[in-house]
Amino acid sequence: MVVTMSFIYIFIRESESEVGSKSKGMSRFKTFLFNLIPFGITYFLVSSIISIIKNLI
């Protein structure tokens, strides 16, 4: 669920940046890096929450 939502978010960000940019190569690499950061943060948060829930159960 969360993975699908983040992939949709990344896809939306990618399409927006492609429309707004002239130099595609560098901007695409930058957006990929910028999209990787929030994706990593959300993945870390979700995995830590899941581990906390497992410890409680």
N, C-alpha and C. Protein backbone atom coordinates (compact mmCIF):
# COMPACT_ATOMS: atom_id res chain seq x y z
N MET A 1 0.84 -1.21 0.00
CA MET A 1 0.00 0.00 0.00
C MET A 1 0.87 1.25 0.00
N VAL A 2 1.76 1.34 0.99
CA VAL A 2 2.63 2.51 1.11
C VAL A 2 3.60 2.56 -0.07
N VAL A 3 4.10 1.39 -0.45
CA VAL A 3 5.04 1.32 -1.58
C VAL A 3 4.37 1.80 -2.87
N THR A 4 3.12 1.36 -3.09
CA THR A 4 2.39 1.78 -4.28
C THR A 4 2.17 3.28 -4.29
N MET A 5 1.78 3.84 -3.13
CA MET A 5 1.53 5.27 -3.03
C MET A 5 2.81 6.06 -3.31
N SER A 6 3.93 5.61 -2.76
CA SER A 6 5.18 6.33 -2.99
C SER A 6 5.62 6.23 -4.44
N PHE A 7 5.35 5.07 -5.09
CA PHE A 7 5.69 4.95 -6.51
C PHE A 7 4.83 5.89 -7.35
N ILE A 8 3.55 6.02 -6.99
CA ILE A 8 2.66 6.95 -7.69
C ILE A 8 3.16 8.38 -7.49
N TYR A 9 3.56 8.69 -6.26
CA TYR A 9 4.10 10.02 -5.94
C TYR A 9 5.34 10.31 -6.77
N ILE A 10 6.25 9.32 -6.85
CA ILE A 10 7.47 9.49 -7.64
C ILE A 10 7.12 9.68 -9.12
N PHE A 11 6.15 8.92 -9.61
CA PHE A 11 5.75 9.03 -11.01
C PHE A 11 5.19 10.41 -11.32
N ILE A 12 4.37 10.95 -10.40
CA ILE A 12 3.79 12.29 -10.57
C ILE A 12 4.90 13.34 -10.58
N ARG A 13 5.83 13.22 -9.63
CA ARG A 13 6.94 14.17 -9.56
C ARG A 13 7.80 14.10 -10.83
N GLU A 14 8.03 12.90 -11.33
CA GLU A 14 8.82 12.72 -12.55
C GLU A 14 8.16 13.41 -13.74
N SER A 15 6.86 13.19 -13.92
CA SER A 15 6.16 13.77 -15.07
C SER A 15 6.11 15.30 -14.95
N GLU A 16 5.92 15.83 -13.73
CA GLU A 16 5.91 17.27 -13.53
C GLU A 16 7.27 17.88 -13.90
N SER A 17 8.35 17.24 -13.44
CA SER A 17 9.68 17.79 -13.68
C SER A 17 10.03 17.71 -15.17
N GLU A 18 9.55 16.67 -15.86
CA GLU A 18 9.85 16.55 -17.28
C GLU A 18 9.19 17.66 -18.08
N VAL A 19 7.97 18.05 -17.69
CA VAL A 19 7.27 19.12 -18.39
C VAL A 19 7.98 20.45 -18.15
N GLY A 20 8.44 20.67 -16.92
CA GLY A 20 8.99 21.96 -16.55
C GLY A 20 10.45 22.18 -16.89
N SER A 21 11.15 21.18 -17.42
CA SER A 21 12.59 21.30 -17.61
C SER A 21 12.98 21.20 -19.08
N LYS A 22 14.03 21.92 -19.42
CA LYS A 22 14.57 21.86 -20.79
C LYS A 22 15.67 20.80 -20.87
N SER A 23 16.63 20.85 -19.95
CA SER A 23 17.73 19.87 -19.96
C SER A 23 17.27 18.63 -19.20
N LYS A 24 16.86 17.60 -19.93
CA LYS A 24 16.20 16.45 -19.30
C LYS A 24 17.18 15.57 -18.53
N GLY A 25 18.38 15.36 -19.06
CA GLY A 25 19.29 14.37 -18.47
C GLY A 25 19.64 14.68 -17.02
N MET A 26 20.14 15.90 -16.78
CA MET A 26 20.59 16.26 -15.44
C MET A 26 19.41 16.39 -14.49
N SER A 27 18.32 17.02 -14.95
CA SER A 27 17.16 17.24 -14.08
C SER A 27 16.52 15.91 -13.69
N ARG A 28 16.55 14.95 -14.62
CA ARG A 28 15.96 13.65 -14.32
C ARG A 28 16.76 12.95 -13.23
N PHE A 29 18.09 13.08 -13.31
CA PHE A 29 18.95 12.49 -12.29
C PHE A 29 18.73 13.18 -10.94
N LYS A 30 18.59 14.51 -10.96
CA LYS A 30 18.35 15.27 -9.72
C LYS A 30 17.01 14.89 -9.10
N THR A 31 15.97 14.80 -9.92
CA THR A 31 14.65 14.45 -9.38
C THR A 31 14.65 13.03 -8.86
N PHE A 32 15.42 12.15 -9.52
CA PHE A 32 15.53 10.78 -9.03
C PHE A 32 16.15 10.77 -7.64
N LEU A 33 17.19 11.57 -7.43
CA LEU A 33 17.83 11.65 -6.12
C LEU A 33 16.88 12.26 -5.10
N PHE A 34 16.20 13.35 -5.50
CA PHE A 34 15.28 14.03 -4.57
C PHE A 34 14.09 13.15 -4.22
N ASN A 35 13.66 12.31 -5.16
CA ASN A 35 12.56 11.39 -4.89
C ASN A 35 13.01 10.22 -4.03
N LEU A 36 14.29 9.88 -4.13
CA LEU A 36 14.82 8.76 -3.36
C LEU A 36 14.87 9.10 -1.88
N ILE A 37 15.11 10.37 -1.55
CA ILE A 37 15.24 10.78 -0.14
C ILE A 37 13.93 10.60 0.63
N PRO A 38 12.79 11.19 0.18
CA PRO A 38 11.54 10.97 0.93
C PRO A 38 11.08 9.52 0.91
N PHE A 39 11.38 8.80 -0.18
CA PHE A 39 11.03 7.39 -0.25
C PHE A 39 11.79 6.60 0.81
N GLY A 40 13.08 6.91 0.97
CA GLY A 40 13.89 6.25 1.99
C GLY A 40 13.40 6.57 3.39
N ILE A 41 13.02 7.83 3.61
CA ILE A 41 12.53 8.25 4.93
C ILE A 41 11.23 7.53 5.26
N THR A 42 10.31 7.49 4.29
CA THR A 42 9.03 6.81 4.55
C THR A 42 9.24 5.32 4.77
N TYR A 43 10.14 4.72 3.99
CA TYR A 43 10.41 3.29 4.17
C TYR A 43 10.97 3.02 5.56
N PHE A 44 11.89 3.88 6.01
CA PHE A 44 12.48 3.72 7.35
C PHE A 44 11.42 3.89 8.43
N LEU A 45 10.55 4.88 8.28
CA LEU A 45 9.49 5.11 9.26
C LEU A 45 8.53 3.93 9.32
N VAL A 46 8.11 3.45 8.16
CA VAL A 46 7.16 2.33 8.11
C VAL A 46 7.76 1.08 8.72
N SER A 47 9.03 0.80 8.38
CA SER A 47 9.66 -0.41 8.91
C SER A 47 9.84 -0.32 10.42
N SER A 48 10.17 0.88 10.93
CA SER A 48 10.32 1.03 12.38
C SER A 48 8.97 0.90 13.09
N ILE A 49 7.91 1.45 12.49
CA ILE A 49 6.57 1.33 13.07
C ILE A 49 6.14 -0.14 13.10
N ILE A 50 6.41 -0.87 12.02
CA ILE A 50 6.04 -2.28 11.95
C ILE A 50 6.79 -3.08 13.02
N SER A 51 8.07 -2.77 13.22
CA SER A 51 8.85 -3.49 14.23
C SER A 51 8.35 -3.18 15.64
N ILE A 52 7.94 -1.93 15.88
CA ILE A 52 7.38 -1.55 17.18
C ILE A 52 6.09 -2.33 17.44
N ILE A 53 5.23 -2.40 16.41
CA ILE A 53 3.96 -3.12 16.55
C ILE A 53 4.22 -4.60 16.82
N LYS A 54 5.19 -5.19 16.11
CA LYS A 54 5.52 -6.60 16.32
C LYS A 54 6.03 -6.84 17.74
N ASN A 55 6.81 -5.89 18.26
CA ASN A 55 7.33 -6.02 19.63
C ASN A 55 6.20 -5.93 20.66
N LEU A 56 5.19 -5.10 20.38
CA LEU A 56 4.06 -4.97 21.29
C LEU A 56 3.22 -6.25 21.30
N ILE A 57 3.06 -6.86 20.13
CA ILE A 57 2.25 -8.09 20.04
C ILE A 57 3.10 -9.25 20.54
